[in-house]
Amino acid sequence: MNFRKFWKIEYTLTAFAIFAIFILLIPTTIQSTRQAALISKWNEKYNRINYMFSVISAHSNENLVGSLENTTADKDELMMLLLQPYLRISANNNHLKRYHNRYMNNSRLQKDDLYYFSDFYYTNDKTIIGIKDLTNIYGEKGPSFMIMLDVNGKLPPNRWGKDVFGINVFNNGNIEPFGKRHSLEQLKSDCSEKGTGVNCSYFYIIGGGFDE
């Protein structure tokens, strides 16, 4: 009789322990699934934009991206107009004035940071896009523009390497995800809770994962 009581107590304690471990693992599993979905969405967006620029280059008699460097008009606005029909950018973006994102390590972006964007646009699928002119920073040898994409829209976490990613656009129409010219070790270091998350853009394209 005492043995049966002991067995029941031990069984109950084991069941509670398993249940507790299961409860603790649920948030991690959900978070991993959510991050995998965001990475998949980013890969899809990058492939679409890469194809878009190849189409623009193929159907243009001149280098449209390069020609934007020589204009005195607002280059960010002109790039937005160039991308608008392809990405279906919305004309009403007033409610995005309060949108802000952070680095992966949760630090704020400062206005003089390279990856700080001041103007944002909505696409029809609720992706948030930022466009930044780089011609005064890199000159002819570097990228002409940067494009930022928050594939999750205004929904959290709004952090680089989580749901925010970036693309460099060169004056010949070629594009590169942020981080392409970094080593694998640099990518792994930056694509972590201690890093900025900016270079996750390329790390995920080549099959890297946040848990590596």
C-alpha atoms as a PDB file:
ATOM      1  CA  MET A   1       0.000   0.000   0.000  1.00  0.00           C
ATOM      2  CA  ASN A   2       2.798   2.409   0.907  1.00  0.00           C
ATOM      3  CA  PHE A   3       4.570   1.448  -2.296  1.00  0.00           C
ATOM      4  CA  ARG A   4       1.470   2.343  -4.350  1.00  0.00           C
ATOM      5  CA  LYS A   5       1.216   5.740  -2.613  1.00  0.00           C
ATOM      6  CA  PHE A   6       4.877   6.437  -3.282  1.00  0.00           C
ATOM      7  CA  TRP A   7       4.454   5.430  -6.943  1.00  0.00           C
ATOM      8  CA  LYS A   8       1.482   7.793  -7.349  1.00  0.00           C
ATOM      9  CA  ILE A   9       3.392  10.698  -5.782  1.00  0.00           C
ATOM     10  CA  GLU A  10       6.422  10.044  -7.971  1.00  0.00           C
ATOM     11  CA  TYR A  11       4.230   9.761 -11.078  1.00  0.00           C
ATOM     12  CA  THR A  12       2.464  13.026 -10.222  1.00  0.00           C
ATOM     13  CA  LEU A  13       5.737  14.858  -9.655  1.00  0.00           C
ATOM     14  CA  THR A  14       7.125  13.539 -12.952  1.00  0.00           C
ATOM     15  CA  ALA A  15       3.991  14.623 -14.803  1.00  0.00           C
ATOM     16  CA  PHE A  16       4.213  18.119 -13.267  1.00  0.00           C
ATOM     17  CA  ALA A  17       7.902  18.359 -14.231  1.00  0.00           C
ATOM     18  CA  ILE A  18       7.171  17.386 -17.838  1.00  0.00           C
ATOM     19  CA  PHE A  19       4.276  19.844 -17.979  1.00  0.00           C
ATOM     20  CA  ALA A  20       6.458  22.648 -16.586  1.00  0.00           C
ATOM     21  CA  ILE A  21       9.203  21.970 -19.160  1.00  0.00           C
ATOM     22  CA  PHE A  22       6.565  21.927 -21.915  1.00  0.00           C
ATOM     23  CA  ILE A  23       5.198  25.303 -20.777  1.00  0.00           C
ATOM     24  CA  LEU A  24       8.704  26.787 -20.688  1.00  0.00           C
ATOM     25  CA  LEU A  25       9.481  25.554 -24.191  1.00  0.00           C
ATOM     26  CA  ILE A  26       6.300  26.890 -25.809  1.00  0.00           C
ATOM     27  CA  PRO A  27       7.460  30.558 -26.035  1.00  0.00           C
ATOM     28  CA  THR A  28      10.811  29.481 -27.508  1.00  0.00           C
ATOM     29  CA  THR A  29       9.111  27.288 -30.085  1.00  0.00           C
ATOM     30  CA  ILE A  30       6.651  30.014 -31.041  1.00  0.00           C
ATOM     31  CA  GLN A  31       9.458  32.585 -31.295  1.00  0.00           C
ATOM     32  CA  SER A  32      11.563  30.262 -33.476  1.00  0.00           C
ATOM     33  CA  THR A  33       8.603  29.574 -35.760  1.00  0.00           C
ATOM     34  CA  ARG A  34       7.829  33.274 -36.029  1.00  0.00           C
ATOM     35  CA  GLN A  35      11.448  34.171 -36.819  1.00  0.00           C
ATOM     36  CA  ALA A  36      11.627  31.448 -39.466  1.00  0.00           C
ATOM     37  CA  ALA A  37       8.504  32.911 -41.103  1.00  0.00           C
ATOM     38  CA  LEU A  38      10.043  36.420 -41.116  1.00  0.00           C
ATOM     39  CA  ILE A  39      13.294  35.110 -42.625  1.00  0.00           C
ATOM     40  CA  SER A  40      11.300  33.306 -45.312  1.00  0.00           C
ATOM     41  CA  LYS A  41       9.399  36.513 -46.068  1.00  0.00           C
ATOM     42  CA  TRP A  42      12.659  38.466 -46.290  1.00  0.00           C
ATOM     43  CA  ASN A  43      14.124  35.955 -48.765  1.00  0.00           C
ATOM     44  CA  GLU A  44      10.987  36.248 -50.857  1.00  0.00           C
ATOM     45  CA  LYS A  45      11.149  40.063 -50.807  1.00  0.00           C
ATOM     46  CA  TYR A  46      14.828  40.119 -51.740  1.00  0.00           C
ATOM     47  CA  ASN A  47      14.321  37.771 -54.693  1.00  0.00           C
ATOM     48  CA  ARG A  48      11.397  39.873 -55.873  1.00  0.00           C
ATOM     49  CA  ILE A  49      13.373  43.133 -55.693  1.00  0.00           C
ATOM     50  CA  ASN A  50      16.393  41.538 -57.377  1.00  0.00           C
ATOM     51  CA  TYR A  51      14.149  40.430 -60.229  1.00  0.00           C
ATOM     52  CA  MET A  52      12.504  43.867 -60.311  1.00  0.00           C
ATOM     53  CA  PHE A  53      15.811  45.677 -60.851  1.00  0.00           C
ATOM     54  CA  SER A  54      16.815  43.183 -63.551  1.00  0.00           C
ATOM     55  CA  VAL A  55      13.541  43.956 -65.340  1.00  0.00           C
ATOM     56  CA  ILE A  56      14.095  47.717 -64.976  1.00  0.00           C
ATOM     57  CA  SER A  57      17.614  47.409 -66.427  1.00  0.00           C
ATOM     58  CA  ALA A  58      16.479  45.150 -69.279  1.00  0.00           C
ATOM     59  CA  HIS A  59      13.670  47.465 -70.395  1.00  0.00           C
ATOM     60  CA  SER A  60      15.482  50.760 -70.075  1.00  0.00           C
ATOM     61  CA  ASN A  61      17.512  52.454 -72.793  1.00  0.00           C
ATOM     62  CA  GLU A  62      19.625  54.190 -70.168  1.00  0.00           C
ATOM     63  CA  ASN A  63      20.969  53.515 -66.709  1.00  0.00           C
ATOM     64  CA  LEU A  64      18.031  54.813 -64.694  1.00  0.00           C
ATOM     65  CA  VAL A  65      19.630  54.307 -61.273  1.00  0.00           C
ATOM     66  CA  GLY A  66      22.863  55.975 -62.365  1.00  0.00           C
ATOM     67  CA  SER A  67      20.994  58.867 -63.952  1.00  0.00           C
ATOM     68  CA  LEU A  68      19.363  59.687 -60.616  1.00  0.00           C
ATOM     69  CA  GLU A  69      22.786  60.666 -59.251  1.00  0.00           C
ATOM     70  CA  ASN A  70      23.041  63.610 -61.639  1.00  0.00           C
ATOM     71  CA  THR A  71      19.705  65.190 -60.867  1.00  0.00           C
ATOM     72  CA  THR A  72      19.203  68.117 -58.515  1.00  0.00           C
ATOM     73  CA  ALA A  73      15.743  66.877 -57.476  1.00  0.00           C
ATOM     74  CA  ASP A  74      15.006  64.853 -54.350  1.00  0.00           C
ATOM     75  CA  LYS A  75      16.731  61.548 -55.189  1.00  0.00           C
ATOM     76  CA  ASP A  76      14.882  59.570 -52.505  1.00  0.00           C
ATOM     77  CA  GLU A  77      11.559  60.711 -53.931  1.00  0.00           C
ATOM     78  CA  LEU A  78      12.619  59.835 -57.475  1.00  0.00           C
ATOM     79  CA  MET A  79      13.745  56.363 -56.413  1.00  0.00           C
ATOM     80  CA  MET A  80      10.423  55.875 -54.659  1.00  0.00           C
ATOM     81  CA  LEU A  81       8.589  56.829 -57.865  1.00  0.00           C
ATOM     82  CA  LEU A  82      10.764  54.387 -59.818  1.00  0.00           C
ATOM     83  CA  LEU A  83       9.917  51.554 -57.431  1.00  0.00           C
ATOM     84  CA  GLN A  84       6.270  52.478 -56.865  1.00  0.00           C
ATOM     85  CA  PRO A  85       4.664  50.475 -59.692  1.00  0.00           C
ATOM     86  CA  TYR A  86       6.787  47.402 -58.958  1.00  0.00           C
ATOM     87  CA  LEU A  87       6.392  47.332 -55.180  1.00  0.00           C
ATOM     88  CA  ARG A  88       2.908  48.901 -55.181  1.00  0.00           C
ATOM     89  CA  ILE A  89       3.881  51.652 -52.778  1.00  0.00           C
ATOM     90  CA  SER A  90       0.909  53.421 -51.229  1.00  0.00           C
ATOM     91  CA  ALA A  91       0.364  57.149 -51.733  1.00  0.00           C
ATOM     92  CA  ASN A  92      -0.899  57.626 -48.156  1.00  0.00           C
ATOM     93  CA  ASN A  93       1.959  57.272 -45.675  1.00  0.00           C
ATOM     94  CA  ASN A  94       1.216  60.025 -43.155  1.00  0.00           C
ATOM     95  CA  HIS A  95       0.592  57.523 -40.357  1.00  0.00           C
ATOM     96  CA  LEU A  96       4.183  56.248 -40.666  1.00  0.00           C
ATOM     97  CA  LYS A  97       5.704  59.397 -39.195  1.00  0.00           C
ATOM     98  CA  ARG A  98       5.841  57.724 -35.779  1.00  0.00           C
ATOM     99  CA  TYR A  99       7.414  54.533 -37.049  1.00  0.00           C
ATOM    100  CA  HIS A 100      10.843  53.756 -35.552  1.00  0.00           C
ATOM    101  CA  ASN A 101      13.054  50.690 -35.569  1.00  0.00           C
ATOM    102  CA  ARG A 102      16.004  49.590 -33.457  1.00  0.00           C
ATOM    103  CA  TYR A 103      19.136  47.533 -33.820  1.00  0.00           C
ATOM    104  CA  MET A 104      18.972  43.866 -32.841  1.00  0.00           C
ATOM    105  CA  ASN A 105      20.684  44.617 -29.519  1.00  0.00           C
ATOM    106  CA  ASN A 106      17.766  46.999 -28.861  1.00  0.00           C
ATOM    107  CA  SER A 107      19.870  50.171 -29.052  1.00  0.00           C
ATOM    108  CA  ARG A 108      18.317  53.198 -30.750  1.00  0.00           C
ATOM    109  CA  LEU A 109      19.362  54.441 -34.157  1.00  0.00           C
ATOM    110  CA  GLN A 110      20.731  57.966 -34.092  1.00  0.00           C
ATOM    111  CA  LYS A 111      20.022  60.469 -36.857  1.00  0.00           C
ATOM    112  CA  ASP A 112      23.646  60.457 -37.994  1.00  0.00           C
ATOM    113  CA  ASP A 113      23.773  56.628 -38.206  1.00  0.00           C
ATOM    114  CA  LEU A 114      24.273  55.216 -41.696  1.00  0.00           C
ATOM    115  CA  TYR A 115      21.242  52.974 -41.252  1.00  0.00           C
ATOM    116  CA  TYR A 116      18.918  55.709 -40.027  1.00  0.00           C
ATOM    117  CA  PHE A 117      16.024  56.369 -42.417  1.00  0.00           C
ATOM    118  CA  SER A 118      13.801  59.426 -42.134  1.00  0.00           C
ATOM    119  CA  ASP A 119      11.132  58.676 -44.753  1.00  0.00           C
ATOM    120  CA  PHE A 120       9.054  55.522 -44.899  1.00  0.00           C
ATOM    121  CA  TYR A 121       6.451  54.181 -47.281  1.00  0.00           C
ATOM    122  CA  TYR A 122       3.799  51.461 -47.114  1.00  0.00           C
ATOM    123  CA  THR A 123       3.287  48.851 -49.806  1.00  0.00           C
ATOM    124  CA  ASN A 124      -0.057  47.193 -50.469  1.00  0.00           C
ATOM    125  CA  ASP A 125       0.997  44.124 -48.476  1.00  0.00           C
ATOM    126  CA  LYS A 126       1.858  46.329 -45.442  1.00  0.00           C
ATOM    127  CA  THR A 127       5.632  46.089 -45.845  1.00  0.00           C
ATOM    128  CA  ILE A 128       7.345  49.287 -44.691  1.00  0.00           C
ATOM    129  CA  ILE A 129      10.040  50.595 -47.044  1.00  0.00           C
ATOM    130  CA  GLY A 130      12.682  53.230 -46.399  1.00  0.00           C
ATOM    131  CA  ILE A 131      14.838  54.789 -49.146  1.00  0.00           C
ATOM    132  CA  LYS A 132      18.105  56.655 -48.579  1.00  0.00           C
ATOM    133  CA  ASP A 133      20.391  58.444 -51.034  1.00  0.00           C
ATOM    134  CA  LEU A 134      24.074  57.522 -50.567  1.00  0.00           C
ATOM    135  CA  THR A 135      25.683  59.482 -53.403  1.00  0.00           C
ATOM    136  CA  ASN A 136      27.108  62.078 -51.004  1.00  0.00           C
ATOM    137  CA  ILE A 137      28.541  59.341 -48.773  1.00  0.00           C
ATOM    138  CA  TYR A 138      30.206  56.829 -51.100  1.00  0.00           C
ATOM    139  CA  GLY A 139      30.532  58.679 -54.393  1.00  0.00           C
ATOM    140  CA  GLU A 140      30.781  56.673 -57.617  1.00  0.00           C
ATOM    141  CA  LYS A 141      32.443  53.553 -56.199  1.00  0.00           C
ATOM    142  CA  GLY A 142      29.910  52.658 -53.550  1.00  0.00           C
ATOM    143  CA  PRO A 143      26.174  52.025 -53.564  1.00  0.00           C
ATOM    144  CA  SER A 144      23.927  54.846 -54.759  1.00  0.00           C
ATOM    145  CA  PHE A 145      20.911  54.055 -52.574  1.00  0.00           C
ATOM    146  CA  MET A 146      19.861  51.935 -49.648  1.00  0.00           C
ATOM    147  CA  ILE A 147      16.459  50.305 -49.329  1.00  0.00           C
ATOM    148  CA  MET A 148      15.158  49.232 -45.925  1.00  0.00           C
ATOM    149  CA  LEU A 149      12.304  46.769 -45.597  1.00  0.00           C
ATOM    150  CA  ASP A 150      10.304  45.954 -42.495  1.00  0.00           C
ATOM    151  CA  VAL A 151       8.637  42.777 -43.753  1.00  0.00           C
ATOM    152  CA  ASN A 152       6.354  42.731 -40.716  1.00  0.00           C
ATOM    153  CA  GLY A 153       5.078  46.289 -41.156  1.00  0.00           C
ATOM    154  CA  LYS A 154       4.317  48.207 -37.972  1.00  0.00           C
ATOM    155  CA  LEU A 155       3.970  44.985 -35.982  1.00  0.00           C
ATOM    156  CA  PRO A 156       6.809  44.298 -33.509  1.00  0.00           C
ATOM    157  CA  PRO A 157       9.654  43.667 -33.064  1.00  0.00           C
ATOM    158  CA  ASN A 158      10.708  46.367 -35.621  1.00  0.00           C
ATOM    159  CA  ARG A 159      14.359  45.421 -35.156  1.00  0.00           C
ATOM    160  CA  TRP A 160      17.187  44.917 -37.621  1.00  0.00           C
ATOM    161  CA  GLY A 161      17.802  41.239 -38.250  1.00  0.00           C
ATOM    162  CA  LYS A 162      14.406  40.284 -36.847  1.00  0.00           C
ATOM    163  CA  ASP A 163      11.897  41.814 -39.271  1.00  0.00           C
ATOM    164  CA  VAL A 164      13.970  44.719 -40.679  1.00  0.00           C
ATOM    165  CA  PHE A 165      16.441  44.115 -43.511  1.00  0.00           C
ATOM    166  CA  GLY A 166      18.364  46.154 -46.056  1.00  0.00           C
ATOM    167  CA  ILE A 167      19.589  46.272 -49.642  1.00  0.00           C
ATOM    168  CA  ASN A 168      22.307  48.336 -51.319  1.00  0.00           C
ATOM    169  CA  VAL A 169      21.498  49.577 -54.831  1.00  0.00           C
ATOM    170  CA  PHE A 170      24.403  50.387 -57.173  1.00  0.00           C
ATOM    171  CA  ASN A 171      24.287  52.821 -60.079  1.00  0.00           C
ATOM    172  CA  ASN A 172      24.435  49.975 -62.628  1.00  0.00           C
ATOM    173  CA  GLY A 173      21.208  48.564 -61.222  1.00  0.00           C
ATOM    174  CA  ASN A 174      22.827  45.704 -59.287  1.00  0.00           C
ATOM    175  CA  ILE A 175      21.742  45.120 -55.706  1.00  0.00           C
ATOM    176  CA  GLU A 176      23.298  43.474 -52.655  1.00  0.00           C
ATOM    177  CA  PRO A 177      21.865  42.613 -49.244  1.00  0.00           C
ATOM    178  CA  PHE A 178      23.577  44.354 -46.321  1.00  0.00           C
ATOM    179  CA  GLY A 179      26.570  42.343 -45.152  1.00  0.00           C
ATOM    180  CA  LYS A 180      27.510  40.666 -48.415  1.00  0.00           C
ATOM    181  CA  ARG A 181      31.102  41.896 -48.226  1.00  0.00           C
ATOM    182  CA  HIS A 182      31.648  40.659 -44.663  1.00  0.00           C
ATOM    183  CA  SER A 183      33.220  37.398 -43.559  1.00  0.00           C
ATOM    184  CA  LEU A 184      31.119  34.572 -42.142  1.00  0.00           C
ATOM    185  CA  GLU A 185      32.473  35.235 -38.656  1.00  0.00           C
ATOM    186  CA  GLN A 186      31.563  38.907 -38.908  1.00  0.00           C
ATOM    187  CA  LEU A 187      28.068  37.960 -40.061  1.00  0.00           C
ATOM    188  CA  LYS A 188      27.579  35.561 -37.159  1.00  0.00           C
ATOM    189  CA  SER A 189      28.834  38.132 -34.666  1.00  0.00           C
ATOM    190  CA  ASP A 190      26.588  40.903 -35.938  1.00  0.00           C
ATOM    191  CA  CYS A 191      23.574  38.642 -36.360  1.00  0.00           C
ATOM    192  CA  SER A 192      23.203  38.049 -32.614  1.00  0.00           C
ATOM    193  CA  GLU A 193      21.530  39.699 -29.640  1.00  0.00           C
ATOM    194  CA  LYS A 194      24.790  41.588 -28.992  1.00  0.00           C
ATOM    195  CA  GLY A 195      25.092  42.827 -32.585  1.00  0.00           C
ATOM    196  CA  THR A 196      23.257  45.368 -34.680  1.00  0.00           C
ATOM    197  CA  GLY A 197      21.501  42.749 -36.804  1.00  0.00           C
ATOM    198  CA  VAL A 198      22.106  44.814 -39.952  1.00  0.00           C
ATOM    199  CA  ASN A 199      24.213  42.136 -41.610  1.00  0.00           C
ATOM    200  CA  CYS A 200      21.615  39.430 -40.992  1.00  0.00           C
ATOM    201  CA  SER A 201      20.226  40.567 -44.338  1.00  0.00           C
ATOM    202  CA  TYR A 202      22.943  38.623 -46.195  1.00  0.00           C
ATOM    203  CA  PHE A 203      23.449  35.961 -43.518  1.00  0.00           C
ATOM    204  CA  TYR A 204      19.867  34.740 -43.963  1.00  0.00           C
ATOM    205  CA  ILE A 205      20.134  34.834 -47.763  1.00  0.00           C
ATOM    206  CA  ILE A 206      23.006  32.326 -47.658  1.00  0.00           C
ATOM    207  CA  GLY A 207      21.093  30.034 -45.323  1.00  0.00           C
ATOM    208  CA  GLY A 208      22.333  31.242 -41.946  1.00  0.00           C
ATOM    209  CA  GLY A 209      20.055  31.146 -38.927  1.00  0.00           C
ATOM    210  CA  PHE A 210      19.667  33.326 -35.870  1.00  0.00           C
ATOM    211  CA  ASP A 211      20.420  30.437 -33.512  1.00  0.00           C
ATOM    212  CA  GLU A 212      23.853  29.726 -35.015  1.00  0.00           C
END
